[in-house]
PDB file of N, CA and C in Angstrom:
ATOM      1  N   MET A   1      -8.609 -30.921   1.913  1.00  0.00           N
ATOM      2  CA  MET A   1      -8.306 -29.986   0.849  1.00  0.00           C
ATOM      3  C   MET A   1      -7.492 -30.693  -0.229  1.00  0.00           C
ATOM      4  N   ASN A   2      -7.795 -30.350  -1.461  1.00  0.00           N
ATOM      5  CA  ASN A   2      -7.025 -30.957  -2.538  1.00  0.00           C
ATOM      6  C   ASN A   2      -5.733 -30.173  -2.771  1.00  0.00           C
ATOM      7  N   LYS A   3      -4.916 -30.669  -3.673  1.00  0.00           N
ATOM      8  CA  LYS A   3      -3.596 -30.064  -3.896  1.00  0.00           C
ATOM      9  C   LYS A   3      -3.702 -28.653  -4.450  1.00  0.00           C
ATOM     10  N   LEU A   4      -4.697 -28.402  -5.304  1.00  0.00           N
ATOM     11  CA  LEU A   4      -4.863 -27.057  -5.868  1.00  0.00           C
ATOM     12  C   LEU A   4      -5.223 -26.046  -4.789  1.00  0.00           C
ATOM     13  N   SER A   5      -6.091 -26.441  -3.882  1.00  0.00           N
ATOM     14  CA  SER A   5      -6.470 -25.549  -2.779  1.00  0.00           C
ATOM     15  C   SER A   5      -5.273 -25.222  -1.899  1.00  0.00           C
ATOM     16  N   ILE A   6      -4.483 -26.232  -1.615  1.00  0.00           N
ATOM     17  CA  ILE A   6      -3.281 -26.017  -0.795  1.00  0.00           C
ATOM     18  C   ILE A   6      -2.321 -25.077  -1.516  1.00  0.00           C
ATOM     19  N   LEU A   7      -2.134 -25.298  -2.818  1.00  0.00           N
ATOM     20  CA  LEU A   7      -1.243 -24.447  -3.602  1.00  0.00           C
ATOM     21  C   LEU A   7      -1.737 -23.001  -3.625  1.00  0.00           C
ATOM     22  N   LEU A   8      -3.038 -22.824  -3.855  1.00  0.00           N
ATOM     23  CA  LEU A   8      -3.602 -21.469  -3.888  1.00  0.00           C
ATOM     24  C   LEU A   8      -3.473 -20.779  -2.528  1.00  0.00           C
ATOM     25  N   GLU A   9      -3.666 -21.533  -1.463  1.00  0.00           N
ATOM     26  CA  GLU A   9      -3.513 -20.968  -0.118  1.00  0.00           C
ATOM     27  C   GLU A   9      -2.076 -20.527   0.115  1.00  0.00           C
ATOM     28  N   GLN A  10      -1.131 -21.326  -0.332  1.00  0.00           N
ATOM     29  CA  GLN A  10       0.283 -20.963  -0.183  1.00  0.00           C
ATOM     30  C   GLN A  10       0.632 -19.748  -1.039  1.00  0.00           C
ATOM     31  N   ILE A  11       0.075 -19.677  -2.244  1.00  0.00           N
ATOM     32  CA  ILE A  11       0.299 -18.510  -3.106  1.00  0.00           C
ATOM     33  C   ILE A  11      -0.258 -17.258  -2.441  1.00  0.00           C
ATOM     34  N   ALA A  12      -1.446 -17.367  -1.857  1.00  0.00           N
ATOM     35  CA  ALA A  12      -2.052 -16.222  -1.161  1.00  0.00           C
ATOM     36  C   ALA A  12      -1.172 -15.771  -0.003  1.00  0.00           C
ATOM     37  N   GLN A  13      -0.590 -16.717   0.724  1.00  0.00           N
ATOM     38  CA  GLN A  13       0.300 -16.353   1.830  1.00  0.00           C
ATOM     39  C   GLN A  13       1.551 -15.646   1.328  1.00  0.00           C
ATOM     40  N   VAL A  14       2.108 -16.113   0.218  1.00  0.00           N
ATOM     41  CA  VAL A  14       3.297 -15.468  -0.349  1.00  0.00           C
ATOM     42  C   VAL A  14       2.967 -14.053  -0.801  1.00  0.00           C
ATOM     43  N   ILE A  15       1.816 -13.884  -1.450  1.00  0.00           N
ATOM     44  CA  ILE A  15       1.407 -12.549  -1.897  1.00  0.00           C
ATOM     45  C   ILE A  15       1.206 -11.635  -0.696  1.00  0.00           C
ATOM     46  N   GLU A  16       0.617 -12.156   0.371  1.00  0.00           N
ATOM     47  CA  GLU A  16       0.422 -11.361   1.588  1.00  0.00           C
ATOM     48  C   GLU A  16       1.772 -10.952   2.196  1.00  0.00           C
ATOM     49  N   LEU A  17       2.726 -11.860   2.207  1.00  0.00           N
ATOM     50  CA  LEU A  17       4.065 -11.522   2.700  1.00  0.00           C
ATOM     51  C   LEU A  17       4.727 -10.461   1.815  1.00  0.00           C
ATOM     52  N   LEU A  18       4.552 -10.585   0.497  1.00  0.00           N
ATOM     53  CA  LEU A  18       5.089  -9.572  -0.407  1.00  0.00           C
ATOM     54  C   LEU A  18       4.464  -8.207  -0.132  1.00  0.00           C
ATOM     55  N   SER A  19       3.168  -8.215   0.113  1.00  0.00           N
ATOM     56  CA  SER A  19       2.475  -6.962   0.414  1.00  0.00           C
ATOM     57  C   SER A  19       3.022  -6.329   1.681  1.00  0.00           C
ATOM     58  N   THR A  20       3.211  -7.141   2.692  1.00  0.00           N
ATOM     59  CA  THR A  20       3.780  -6.636   3.942  1.00  0.00           C
ATOM     60  C   THR A  20       5.191  -6.110   3.706  1.00  0.00           C
ATOM     61  N   GLY A  21       5.952  -6.827   2.897  1.00  0.00           N
ATOM     62  CA  GLY A  21       7.301  -6.379   2.565  1.00  0.00           C
ATOM     63  C   GLY A  21       7.295  -5.049   1.827  1.00  0.00           C
ATOM     64  N   ILE A  22       6.363  -4.882   0.900  1.00  0.00           N
ATOM     65  CA  ILE A  22       6.247  -3.615   0.168  1.00  0.00           C
ATOM     66  C   ILE A  22       5.939  -2.478   1.126  1.00  0.00           C
ATOM     67  N   LEU A  23       4.994  -2.714   2.031  1.00  0.00           N
ATOM     68  CA  LEU A  23       4.639  -1.671   3.001  1.00  0.00           C
ATOM     69  C   LEU A  23       5.820  -1.332   3.910  1.00  0.00           C
ATOM     70  N   LEU A  24       6.511  -2.344   4.389  1.00  0.00           N
ATOM     71  CA  LEU A  24       7.666  -2.102   5.261  1.00  0.00           C
ATOM     72  C   LEU A  24       8.789  -1.394   4.513  1.00  0.00           C
ATOM     73  N   TRP A  25       9.063  -1.809   3.270  1.00  0.00           N
ATOM     74  CA  TRP A  25      10.112  -1.159   2.484  1.00  0.00           C
ATOM     75  C   TRP A  25       9.754   0.306   2.226  1.00  0.00           C
ATOM     76  N   GLY A  26       8.499   0.564   1.892  1.00  0.00           N
ATOM     77  CA  GLY A  26       8.067   1.949   1.699  1.00  0.00           C
ATOM     78  C   GLY A  26       8.236   2.763   2.969  1.00  0.00           C
ATOM     79  N   PHE A  27       7.920   2.162   4.117  1.00  0.00           N
ATOM     80  CA  PHE A  27       8.079   2.857   5.390  1.00  0.00           C
ATOM     81  C   PHE A  27       9.545   3.167   5.666  1.00  0.00           C
ATOM     82  N   VAL A  28      10.418   2.182   5.451  1.00  0.00           N
ATOM     83  CA  VAL A  28      11.851   2.374   5.708  1.00  0.00           C
ATOM     84  C   VAL A  28      12.406   3.479   4.810  1.00  0.00           C
ATOM     85  N   LYS A  29      12.058   3.427   3.516  1.00  0.00           N
ATOM     86  CA  LYS A  29      12.533   4.463   2.599  1.00  0.00           C
ATOM     87  C   LYS A  29      11.997   5.838   2.995  1.00  0.00           C
ATOM     88  N   ALA A  30      10.721   5.890   3.336  1.00  0.00           N
ATOM     89  CA  ALA A  30      10.113   7.165   3.707  1.00  0.00           C
ATOM     90  C   ALA A  30      10.719   7.699   5.002  1.00  0.00           C
ATOM     91  N   MET A  31      10.981   6.828   5.948  1.00  0.00           N
ATOM     92  CA  MET A  31      11.580   7.270   7.211  1.00  0.00           C
ATOM     93  C   MET A  31      12.982   7.811   6.975  1.00  0.00           C
ATOM     94  N   GLY A  32      13.758   7.139   6.130  1.00  0.00           N
ATOM     95  CA  GLY A  32      15.090   7.634   5.803  1.00  0.00           C
ATOM     96  C   GLY A  32      15.028   8.994   5.132  1.00  0.00           C
ATOM     97  N   TYR A  33      14.111   9.134   4.184  1.00  0.00           N
ATOM     98  CA  TYR A  33      13.950  10.417   3.491  1.00  0.00           C
ATOM     99  C   TYR A  33      13.483  11.499   4.458  1.00  0.00           C
ATOM    100  N   PHE A  34      12.573  11.115   5.355  1.00  0.00           N
ATOM    101  CA  PHE A  34      12.071  12.062   6.348  1.00  0.00           C
ATOM    102  C   PHE A  34      13.194  12.569   7.243  1.00  0.00           C
ATOM    103  N   LEU A  35      14.003  11.648   7.763  1.00  0.00           N
ATOM    104  CA  LEU A  35      15.102  12.050   8.642  1.00  0.00           C
ATOM    105  C   LEU A  35      16.107  12.932   7.901  1.00  0.00           C
ATOM    106  N   LYS A  36      16.403  12.575   6.671  1.00  0.00           N
ATOM    107  CA  LYS A  36      17.315  13.384   5.859  1.00  0.00           C
ATOM    108  C   LYS A  36      16.733  14.784   5.627  1.00  0.00           C
ATOM    109  N   THR A  37      15.453  14.841   5.307  1.00  0.00           N
ATOM    110  CA  THR A  37      14.802  16.126   5.067  1.00  0.00           C
ATOM    111  C   THR A  37      14.760  16.964   6.340  1.00  0.00           C
ATOM    112  N   GLU A  38      14.434  16.338   7.454  1.00  0.00           N
ATOM    113  CA  GLU A  38      14.413  17.072   8.721  1.00  0.00           C
ATOM    114  C   GLU A  38      15.800  17.627   9.067  1.00  0.00           C
ATOM    115  N   TRP A  39      16.817  16.829   8.810  1.00  0.00           N
ATOM    116  CA  TRP A  39      18.184  17.289   9.068  1.00  0.00           C
ATOM    117  C   TRP A  39      18.502  18.500   8.183  1.00  0.00           C
ATOM    118  N   ASN A  40      18.103  18.431   6.932  1.00  0.00           N
ATOM    119  CA  ASN A  40      18.346  19.553   6.017  1.00  0.00           C
ATOM    120  C   ASN A  40      17.521  20.783   6.390  1.00  0.00           C
ATOM    121  N   ILE A  41      16.324  20.575   6.897  1.00  0.00           N
ATOM    122  CA  ILE A  41      15.522  21.705   7.372  1.00  0.00           C
ATOM    123  C   ILE A  41      16.204  22.337   8.580  1.00  0.00           C
ATOM    124  N   TYR A  42      16.706  21.509   9.465  1.00  0.00           N
ATOM    125  CA  TYR A  42      17.420  22.009  10.641  1.00  0.00           C
ATOM    126  C   TYR A  42      18.640  22.831  10.224  1.00  0.00           C
ATOM    127  N   ARG A  43      19.336  22.354   9.192  1.00  0.00           N
ATOM    128  CA  ARG A  43      20.514  23.075   8.696  1.00  0.00           C
ATOM    129  C   ARG A  43      20.134  24.225   7.766  1.00  0.00           C
ATOM    130  N   LYS A  44      18.838  24.357   7.506  1.00  0.00           N
ATOM    131  CA  LYS A  44      18.285  25.406   6.649  1.00  0.00           C
ATOM    132  C   LYS A  44      18.766  25.306   5.203  1.00  0.00           C
ATOM    133  N   THR A  45      18.955  24.081   4.722  1.00  0.00           N
ATOM    134  CA  THR A  45      19.344  23.880   3.329  1.00  0.00           C
ATOM    135  C   THR A  45      18.177  23.407   2.470  1.00  0.00           C
ATOM    136  N   THR A  46      17.007  23.217   3.070  1.00  0.00           N
ATOM    137  CA  THR A  46      15.810  22.836   2.328  1.00  0.00           C
ATOM    138  C   THR A  46      14.591  23.356   3.084  1.00  0.00           C
ATOM    139  N   THR A  47      13.416  23.178   2.491  1.00  0.00           N
ATOM    140  CA  THR A  47      12.180  23.678   3.105  1.00  0.00           C
ATOM    141  C   THR A  47      11.216  22.515   3.343  1.00  0.00           C
ATOM    142  N   LEU A  48      10.110  22.841   3.987  1.00  0.00           N
ATOM    143  CA  LEU A  48       9.091  21.824   4.271  1.00  0.00           C
ATOM    144  C   LEU A  48       8.435  21.291   3.008  1.00  0.00           C
ATOM    145  N   SER A  49       8.547  22.001   1.899  1.00  0.00           N
ATOM    146  CA  SER A  49       7.904  21.540   0.667  1.00  0.00           C
ATOM    147  C   SER A  49       8.464  20.198   0.211  1.00  0.00           C
ATOM    148  N   GLN A  50       9.665  19.851   0.645  1.00  0.00           N
ATOM    149  CA  GLN A  50      10.250  18.562   0.292  1.00  0.00           C
ATOM    150  C   GLN A  50       9.451  17.395   0.873  1.00  0.00           C
ATOM    151  N   LEU A  51       8.710  17.665   1.951  1.00  0.00           N
ATOM    152  CA  LEU A  51       7.938  16.588   2.578  1.00  0.00           C
ATOM    153  C   LEU A  51       6.765  16.133   1.715  1.00  0.00           C
ATOM    154  N   SER A  52       6.301  16.969   0.790  1.00  0.00           N
ATOM    155  CA  SER A  52       5.212  16.545  -0.092  1.00  0.00           C
ATOM    156  C   SER A  52       5.683  15.412  -1.000  1.00  0.00           C
ATOM    157  N   SER A  53       6.938  15.450  -1.401  1.00  0.00           N
ATOM    158  CA  SER A  53       7.507  14.355  -2.181  1.00  0.00           C
ATOM    159  C   SER A  53       7.526  13.071  -1.356  1.00  0.00           C
ATOM    160  N   LEU A  54       7.828  13.201  -0.088  1.00  0.00           N
ATOM    161  CA  LEU A  54       7.821  12.054   0.825  1.00  0.00           C
ATOM    162  C   LEU A  54       6.423  11.459   0.925  1.00  0.00           C
ATOM    163  N   ARG A  55       5.422  12.294   1.079  1.00  0.00           N
ATOM    164  CA  ARG A  55       4.043  11.811   1.191  1.00  0.00           C
ATOM    165  C   ARG A  55       3.627  11.075  -0.080  1.00  0.00           C
ATOM    166  N   ARG A  56       4.016  11.597  -1.215  1.00  0.00           N
ATOM    167  CA  ARG A  56       3.680  10.966  -2.492  1.00  0.00           C
ATOM    168  C   ARG A  56       4.355   9.598  -2.602  1.00  0.00           C
ATOM    169  N   GLN A  57       5.621   9.541  -2.269  1.00  0.00           N
ATOM    170  CA  GLN A  57       6.368   8.289  -2.354  1.00  0.00           C
ATOM    171  C   GLN A  57       5.766   7.237  -1.418  1.00  0.00           C
ATOM    172  N   LEU A  58       5.497   7.608  -0.179  1.00  0.00           N
ATOM    173  CA  LEU A  58       4.923   6.659   0.775  1.00  0.00           C
ATOM    174  C   LEU A  58       3.529   6.224   0.331  1.00  0.00           C
ATOM    175  N   GLY A  59       2.750   7.165  -0.183  1.00  0.00           N
ATOM    176  CA  GLY A  59       1.406   6.842  -0.658  1.00  0.00           C
ATOM    177  C   GLY A  59       1.421   5.807  -1.768  1.00  0.00           C
ATOM    178  N   LEU A  60       2.396   5.895  -2.667  1.00  0.00           N
ATOM    179  CA  LEU A  60       2.487   4.925  -3.754  1.00  0.00           C
ATOM    180  C   LEU A  60       2.806   3.523  -3.228  1.00  0.00           C
ATOM    181  N   TYR A  61       3.674   3.445  -2.231  1.00  0.00           N
ATOM    182  CA  TYR A  61       3.965   2.138  -1.628  1.00  0.00           C
ATOM    183  C   TYR A  61       2.734   1.578  -0.913  1.00  0.00           C
ATOM    184  N   ILE A  62       1.994   2.428  -0.237  1.00  0.00           N
ATOM    185  CA  ILE A  62       0.779   1.967   0.445  1.00  0.00           C
ATOM    186  C   ILE A  62      -0.235   1.457  -0.572  1.00  0.00           C
ATOM    187  N   LEU A  63      -0.415   2.194  -1.675  1.00  0.00           N
ATOM    188  CA  LEU A  63      -1.353   1.754  -2.710  1.00  0.00           C
ATOM    189  C   LEU A  63      -0.955   0.397  -3.292  1.00  0.00           C
ATOM    190  N   LEU A  64       0.317   0.235  -3.579  1.00  0.00           N
ATOM    191  CA  LEU A  64       0.783  -1.039  -4.127  1.00  0.00           C
ATOM    192  C   LEU A  64       0.580  -2.173  -3.121  1.00  0.00           C
ATOM    193  N   GLY A  65       0.899  -1.916  -1.864  1.00  0.00           N
ATOM    194  CA  GLY A  65       0.693  -2.921  -0.820  1.00  0.00           C
ATOM    195  C   GLY A  65      -0.774  -3.311  -0.680  1.00  0.00           C
ATOM    196  N   LEU A  66      -1.671  -2.325  -0.726  1.00  0.00           N
ATOM    197  CA  LEU A  66      -3.106  -2.613  -0.632  1.00  0.00           C
ATOM    198  C   LEU A  66      -3.577  -3.451  -1.818  1.00  0.00           C
ATOM    199  N   ASP A  67      -3.071  -3.145  -3.006  1.00  0.00           N
ATOM    200  CA  ASP A  67      -3.457  -3.925  -4.180  1.00  0.00           C
ATOM    201  C   ASP A  67      -3.034  -5.384  -4.023  1.00  0.00           C
ATOM    202  N   PHE A  68      -1.848  -5.618  -3.505  1.00  0.00           N
ATOM    203  CA  PHE A  68      -1.388  -6.991  -3.291  1.00  0.00           C
ATOM    204  C   PHE A  68      -2.259  -7.690  -2.241  1.00  0.00           C
ATOM    205  N   TYR A  69      -2.640  -6.975  -1.183  1.00  0.00           N
ATOM    206  CA  TYR A  69      -3.517  -7.574  -0.175  1.00  0.00           C
ATOM    207  C   TYR A  69      -4.866  -7.971  -0.782  1.00  0.00           C
ATOM    208  N   ILE A  70      -5.391  -7.144  -1.670  1.00  0.00           N
ATOM    209  CA  ILE A  70      -6.671  -7.463  -2.310  1.00  0.00           C
ATOM    210  C   ILE A  70      -6.546  -8.742  -3.132  1.00  0.00           C
ATOM    211  N   VAL A  71      -5.444  -8.865  -3.881  1.00  0.00           N
ATOM    212  CA  VAL A  71      -5.221 -10.088  -4.667  1.00  0.00           C
ATOM    213  C   VAL A  71      -5.181 -11.315  -3.749  1.00  0.00           C
ATOM    214  N   SER A  72      -4.489 -11.190  -2.642  1.00  0.00           N
ATOM    215  CA  SER A  72      -4.405 -12.283  -1.677  1.00  0.00           C
ATOM    216  C   SER A  72      -5.791 -12.661  -1.152  1.00  0.00           C
ATOM    217  N   ASP A  73      -6.594 -11.663  -0.830  1.00  0.00           N
ATOM    218  CA  ASP A  73      -7.949 -11.931  -0.327  1.00  0.00           C
ATOM    219  C   ASP A  73      -8.819 -12.607  -1.384  1.00  0.00           C
ATOM    220  N   ILE A  74      -8.687 -12.195  -2.621  1.00  0.00           N
ATOM    221  CA  ILE A  74      -9.480 -12.813  -3.698  1.00  0.00           C
ATOM    222  C   ILE A  74      -9.087 -14.278  -3.869  1.00  0.00           C
ATOM    223  N   ILE A  75      -7.802 -14.558  -3.842  1.00  0.00           N
ATOM    224  CA  ILE A  75      -7.355 -15.953  -3.966  1.00  0.00           C
ATOM    225  C   ILE A  75      -7.880 -16.783  -2.801  1.00  0.00           C
ATOM    226  N   ARG A  76      -7.830 -16.226  -1.597  1.00  0.00           N
ATOM    227  CA  ARG A  76      -8.337 -16.966  -0.425  1.00  0.00           C
ATOM    228  C   ARG A  76      -9.833 -17.245  -0.548  1.00  0.00           C
ATOM    229  N   SER A  77     -10.579 -16.293  -1.105  1.00  0.00           N
ATOM    230  CA  SER A  77     -12.016 -16.518  -1.246  1.00  0.00           C
ATOM    231  C   SER A  77     -12.304 -17.595  -2.292  1.00  0.00           C
ATOM    232  N   MET A  78     -11.388 -17.769  -3.250  1.00  0.00           N
ATOM    233  CA  MET A  78     -11.560 -18.849  -4.229  1.00  0.00           C
ATOM    234  C   MET A  78     -11.329 -20.209  -3.566  1.00  0.00           C
ATOM    235  N   VAL A  79     -10.436 -20.246  -2.586  1.00  0.00           N
ATOM    236  CA  VAL A  79     -10.140 -21.502  -1.891  1.00  0.00           C
ATOM    237  C   VAL A  79     -11.257 -21.858  -0.927  1.00  0.00           C
ATOM    238  N   HIS A  80     -11.803 -20.853  -0.243  1.00  0.00           N
ATOM    239  CA  HIS A  80     -12.873 -21.057   0.752  1.00  0.00           C
ATOM    240  C   HIS A  80     -14.104 -20.245   0.332  1.00  0.00           C
ATOM    241  N   PRO A  81     -14.899 -20.746  -0.626  1.00  0.00           N
ATOM    242  CA  PRO A  81     -16.004 -19.940  -1.162  1.00  0.00           C
ATOM    243  C   PRO A  81     -17.312 -20.024  -0.366  1.00  0.00           C
ATOM    244  N   ASP A  82     -17.253 -20.011   0.961  1.00  0.00           N
ATOM    245  CA  ASP A  82     -18.493 -20.009   1.728  1.00  0.00           C
ATOM    246  C   ASP A  82     -18.996 -18.572   1.902  1.00  0.00           C
ATOM    247  N   LEU A  83     -20.232 -18.438   2.372  1.00  0.00           N
ATOM    248  CA  LEU A  83     -20.881 -17.129   2.445  1.00  0.00           C
ATOM    249  C   LEU A  83     -20.131 -16.171   3.365  1.00  0.00           C
ATOM    250  N   ASN A  84     -19.691 -16.642   4.530  1.00  0.00           N
ATOM    251  CA  ASN A  84     -18.959 -15.760   5.455  1.00  0.00           C
ATOM    252  C   ASN A  84     -17.672 -15.243   4.830  1.00  0.00           C
ATOM    253  N   GLU A  85     -16.962 -16.111   4.125  1.00  0.00           N
ATOM    254  CA  GLU A  85     -15.710 -15.709   3.473  1.00  0.00           C
ATOM    255  C   GLU A  85     -15.977 -14.676   2.375  1.00  0.00           C
ATOM    256  N   LEU A  86     -17.045 -14.882   1.613  1.00  0.00           N
ATOM    257  CA  LEU A  86     -17.375 -13.939   0.538  1.00  0.00           C
ATOM    258  C   LEU A  86     -17.812 -12.588   1.090  1.00  0.00           C
ATOM    259  N   LEU A  87     -18.595 -12.604   2.164  1.00  0.00           N
ATOM    260  CA  LEU A  87     -19.003 -11.335   2.777  1.00  0.00           C
ATOM    261  C   LEU A  87     -17.802 -10.606   3.370  1.00  0.00           C
ATOM    262  N   SER A  88     -16.935 -11.357   4.010  1.00  0.00           N
ATOM    263  CA  SER A  88     -15.716 -10.778   4.556  1.00  0.00           C
ATOM    264  C   SER A  88     -14.867 -10.182   3.442  1.00  0.00           C
ATOM    265  N   LEU A  89     -14.732 -10.904   2.341  1.00  0.00           N
ATOM    266  CA  LEU A  89     -13.967 -10.407   1.194  1.00  0.00           C
ATOM    267  C   LEU A  89     -14.579  -9.125   0.647  1.00  0.00           C
ATOM    268  N   ALA A  90     -15.894  -9.100   0.533  1.00  0.00           N
ATOM    269  CA  ALA A  90     -16.564  -7.915   0.001  1.00  0.00           C
ATOM    270  C   ALA A  90     -16.288  -6.691   0.863  1.00  0.00           C
ATOM    271  N   VAL A  91     -16.375  -6.850   2.169  1.00  0.00           N
ATOM    272  CA  VAL A  91     -16.121  -5.725   3.075  1.00  0.00           C
ATOM    273  C   VAL A  91     -14.660  -5.287   3.002  1.00  0.00           C
ATOM    274  N   ILE A  92     -13.751  -6.248   3.022  1.00  0.00           N
ATOM    275  CA  ILE A  92     -12.319  -5.933   2.982  1.00  0.00           C
ATOM    276  C   ILE A  92     -11.959  -5.240   1.669  1.00  0.00           C
ATOM    277  N   VAL A  93     -12.437  -5.781   0.553  1.00  0.00           N
ATOM    278  CA  VAL A  93     -12.137  -5.175  -0.744  1.00  0.00           C
ATOM    279  C   VAL A  93     -12.749  -3.778  -0.836  1.00  0.00           C
ATOM    280  N   LEU A  94     -13.952  -3.618  -0.333  1.00  0.00           N
ATOM    281  CA  LEU A  94     -14.588  -2.297  -0.349  1.00  0.00           C
ATOM    282  C   LEU A  94     -13.773  -1.289   0.453  1.00  0.00           C
ATOM    283  N   LEU A  95     -13.362  -1.669   1.653  1.00  0.00           N
ATOM    284  CA  LEU A  95     -12.570  -0.764   2.484  1.00  0.00           C
ATOM    285  C   LEU A  95     -11.220  -0.448   1.849  1.00  0.00           C
ATOM    286  N   ARG A  96     -10.532  -1.469   1.389  1.00  0.00           N
ATOM    287  CA  ARG A  96      -9.204  -1.254   0.798  1.00  0.00           C
ATOM    288  C   ARG A  96      -9.297  -0.474  -0.507  1.00  0.00           C
ATOM    289  N   THR A  97     -10.332  -0.718  -1.290  1.00  0.00           N
ATOM    290  CA  THR A  97     -10.504   0.024  -2.542  1.00  0.00           C
ATOM    291  C   THR A  97     -10.836   1.483  -2.252  1.00  0.00           C
ATOM    292  N   THR A  98     -11.670   1.727  -1.251  1.00  0.00           N
ATOM    293  CA  THR A  98     -11.997   3.103  -0.880  1.00  0.00           C
ATOM    294  C   THR A  98     -10.760   3.839  -0.389  1.00  0.00           C
ATOM    295  N   ILE A  99      -9.995   3.195   0.473  1.00  0.00           N
ATOM    296  CA  ILE A  99      -8.751   3.805   0.954  1.00  0.00           C
ATOM    297  C   ILE A  99      -7.820   4.052  -0.220  1.00  0.00           C
ATOM    298  N   GLY A 100      -7.687   3.064  -1.097  1.00  0.00           N
ATOM    299  CA  GLY A 100      -6.826   3.209  -2.261  1.00  0.00           C
ATOM    300  C   GLY A 100      -7.267   4.327  -3.184  1.00  0.00           C
ATOM    301  N   PHE A 101      -8.577   4.473  -3.379  1.00  0.00           N
ATOM    302  CA  PHE A 101      -9.094   5.536  -4.241  1.00  0.00           C
ATOM    303  C   PHE A 101      -8.729   6.910  -3.700  1.00  0.00           C
ATOM    304  N   PHE A 102      -9.037   7.135  -2.431  1.00  0.00           N
ATOM    305  CA  PHE A 102      -8.770   8.448  -1.852  1.00  0.00           C
ATOM    306  C   PHE A 102      -7.272   8.713  -1.701  1.00  0.00           C
ATOM    307  N   LEU A 103      -6.522   7.694  -1.366  1.00  0.00           N
ATOM    308  CA  LEU A 103      -5.075   7.862  -1.268  1.00  0.00           C
ATOM    309  C   LEU A 103      -4.479   8.135  -2.648  1.00  0.00           C
ATOM    310  N   GLY A 104      -4.968   7.435  -3.664  1.00  0.00           N
ATOM    311  CA  GLY A 104      -4.506   7.675  -5.029  1.00  0.00           C
ATOM    312  C   GLY A 104      -4.818   9.078  -5.491  1.00  0.00           C
ATOM    313  N   ARG A 105      -5.981   9.556  -5.138  1.00  0.00           N
ATOM    314  CA  ARG A 105      -6.355  10.937  -5.494  1.00  0.00           C
ATOM    315  C   ARG A 105      -5.438  11.936  -4.807  1.00  0.00           C
ATOM    316  N   GLU A 106      -5.148  11.693  -3.542  1.00  0.00           N
ATOM    317  CA  GLU A 106      -4.266  12.586  -2.802  1.00  0.00           C
ATOM    318  C   GLU A 106      -2.855  12.565  -3.381  1.00  0.00           C
ATOM    319  N   VAL A 107      -2.367  11.382  -3.747  1.00  0.00           N
ATOM    320  CA  VAL A 107      -1.035  11.263  -4.346  1.00  0.00           C
ATOM    321  C   VAL A 107      -0.990  12.026  -5.670  1.00  0.00           C
ATOM    322  N   ALA A 108      -2.045  11.914  -6.473  1.00  0.00           N
ATOM    323  CA  ALA A 108      -2.102  12.639  -7.748  1.00  0.00           C
ATOM    324  C   ALA A 108      -2.113  14.143  -7.508  1.00  0.00           C
ATOM    325  N   GLU A 109      -2.866  14.596  -6.513  1.00  0.00           N
ATOM    326  CA  GLU A 109      -2.913  16.027  -6.201  1.00  0.00           C
ATOM    327  C   GLU A 109      -1.543  16.529  -5.732  1.00  0.00           C
ATOM    328  N   ILE A 110      -0.870  15.748  -4.939  1.00  0.00           N
ATOM    329  CA  ILE A 110       0.473  16.135  -4.490  1.00  0.00           C
ATOM    330  C   ILE A 110       1.412  16.226  -5.688  1.00  0.00           C
ATOM    331  N   GLY A 111       1.297  15.283  -6.624  1.00  0.00           N
ATOM    332  CA  GLY A 111       2.120  15.300  -7.828  1.00  0.00           C
ATOM    333  C   GLY A 111       1.845  16.525  -8.675  1.00  0.00           C
ATOM    334  N   GLN A 112       0.548  16.898  -8.800  1.00  0.00           N
ATOM    335  CA  GLN A 112       0.196  18.092  -9.570  1.00  0.00           C
ATOM    336  C   GLN A 112       0.714  19.349  -8.892  1.00  0.00           C
ATOM    337  N   ASP A 113       0.582  19.407  -7.566  1.00  0.00           N
ATOM    338  CA  ASP A 113       1.095  20.578  -6.827  1.00  0.00           C
ATOM    339  C   ASP A 113       2.599  20.707  -6.997  1.00  0.00           C
ATOM    340  N   ALA A 114       3.301  19.591  -6.975  1.00  0.00           N
ATOM    341  CA  ALA A 114       4.754  19.614  -7.123  1.00  0.00           C
ATOM    342  C   ALA A 114       5.159  20.070  -8.518  1.00  0.00           C
ATOM    343  N   SER A 115       4.396  19.647  -9.542  1.00  0.00           N
ATOM    344  CA  SER A 115       4.748  20.042 -10.902  1.00  0.00           C
ATOM    345  C   SER A 115       4.357  21.493 -11.193  1.00  0.00           C
ATOM    346  N   ASN A 116       3.355  22.014 -10.467  1.00  0.00           N
ATOM    347  CA  ASN A 116       2.958  23.409 -10.643  1.00  0.00           C
ATOM    348  C   ASN A 116       3.866  24.381  -9.903  1.00  0.00           C
ATOM    349  N   ALA A 117       4.572  23.877  -8.908  1.00  0.00           N
ATOM    350  CA  ALA A 117       5.436  24.758  -8.090  1.00  0.00           C
ATOM    351  C   ALA A 117       6.718  25.116  -8.783  1.00  0.00           C
TER     352      ALA A 117
END
């Protein structure tokens, strides 16, 4: 492998780590918010409607994490442009884009419901 390929592979790994970090940070924040909301529900100072905000927040972190994973996969396919790698990339991007599309739609619907309430 030449130096550019090695550099691109390392960049892809860093982007993948960032994506994992985004997903983990979103999970930690959402879990904290969830526990706080559950405690407030137990104390009867809030309602279950607060959880829709949690779903929206977590969904946005998942979408961002998926986008970073797609970038990482595209860079890897540039480094290893064989047929198996390209087919694998196509399937992965298709799945992640489909998940991202439907999750994005759900997040938008939750946002609209929250603004209408």
